[in-house]
Structures are given as structure tokens and as C-alpha cells.
């Protein structure tokens, strides 16, 4: 067994695990921020639907020209 190769592989695996844990924490923090923002400003389904219709109409008008 090649000992330096195994040590290097364990180092790479440790770095990948560290990176995955760090990214997972950042994602969880961002999700918590989004949940807090949604609690402060609940989404009005009717205004969201009107915004979608408006965007759809703008897209149709842009293609017709």
C-alpha cells in the first residue's frame, strides 16, 4: 500500500467534507432568512397572479413586434 497516496486521499476527502458542511450551513442560513422574510411579508396570491399575467402579456407583445 502506498502510504503517501492514502494520506493525500484522506486530506482531499477531509477538504470535501468540510466544504460540504460549510455550504450546507450557508444554505440553511439563507433558508432561515427567506422564511423570516416570508413571515414578515406574506405573499398575496392575487397580486402574484396579476404579476404573472402582466409578465406574460409583456412577453406576448414583445414577440408580436
Protein backbone atom coordinates (compact mmCIF):
# COMPACT_ATOMS: atom_id res chain seq x y z
CA UNK A 1 0.00 0.00 0.00
CA UNK A 2 1.29 3.42 -0.93
CA UNK A 3 1.10 5.45 2.32
CA UNK A 4 1.59 8.96 0.83
CA UNK A 5 -1.21 8.32 -1.68
CA UNK A 6 -3.57 7.25 1.12
CA UNK A 7 -2.67 10.32 3.22
CA UNK A 8 -3.31 12.63 0.26
CA UNK A 9 -6.66 10.93 -0.43
CA UNK A 10 -7.71 11.34 3.21
CA UNK A 11 -6.73 15.01 3.02
CA UNK A 12 -8.82 15.52 -0.11
CA UNK A 13 -11.77 13.71 1.45
CA UNK A 14 -11.49 15.88 4.58
CA UNK A 15 -11.49 19.06 2.46
CA UNK A 16 -14.55 17.88 0.54
CA UNK A 17 -16.42 17.07 3.74
CA UNK A 18 -15.50 20.47 5.19
CA UNK A 19 -16.70 22.20 2.03
CA UNK A 20 -19.99 20.27 2.03
CA UNK A 21 -20.67 21.11 5.68
CA UNK A 22 -19.87 24.79 5.12
CA UNK A 23 -22.14 25.02 2.06
CA UNK A 24 -24.91 23.19 3.89
CA UNK A 25 -24.74 25.72 6.74
CA UNK A 26 -24.83 28.64 4.30
CA UNK A 27 -27.88 27.17 2.56
CA UNK A 28 -29.64 26.61 5.88
CA UNK A 29 -28.90 30.19 6.95
CA UNK A 30 -30.28 31.53 3.67
CA UNK A 31 -33.41 29.39 4.01
CA UNK A 32 -33.93 30.73 7.53
CA UNK A 33 -33.61 34.29 6.20
CA UNK A 34 -36.17 33.57 3.48
CA UNK A 35 -38.59 32.05 5.99
CA UNK A 36 -38.25 35.09 8.24
CA UNK A 37 -38.86 37.39 5.27
CA UNK A 38 -41.96 35.42 4.27
CA UNK A 39 -43.31 35.71 7.81
CA UNK A 40 -42.86 39.49 7.72
CA UNK A 41 -44.31 39.88 4.21
CA UNK A 42 -46.76 37.09 3.41
CA UNK A 43 -47.33 36.53 -0.28
CA UNK A 44 -50.63 37.80 -1.59
CA UNK A 45 -51.68 35.15 -4.14
CA UNK A 46 -53.80 37.56 -6.17
CA UNK A 47 -51.06 40.14 -6.60
CA UNK A 48 -48.61 37.36 -7.52
CA UNK A 49 -51.07 36.06 -10.12
CA UNK A 50 -51.55 39.54 -11.59
CA UNK A 51 -47.77 39.95 -11.81
CA UNK A 52 -47.51 36.67 -13.72
CA UNK A 53 -50.27 37.77 -16.12
CA UNK A 54 -48.54 41.11 -16.64
CA UNK A 55 -45.23 39.42 -17.45
CA UNK A 56 -46.99 37.04 -19.81
CA UNK A 57 -48.68 39.90 -21.65
CA UNK A 58 -45.39 41.81 -21.94
CA UNK A 59 -43.74 38.75 -23.42
CA UNK A 60 -46.56 38.28 -25.95
CA UNK A 61 -46.40 41.93 -27.03
CA UNK A 62 -42.64 41.77 -27.42
CA UNK A 63 -42.86 38.76 -29.76
CA UNK A 64 -45.58 40.34 -31.89
CA UNK A 65 -43.44 43.30 -32.91
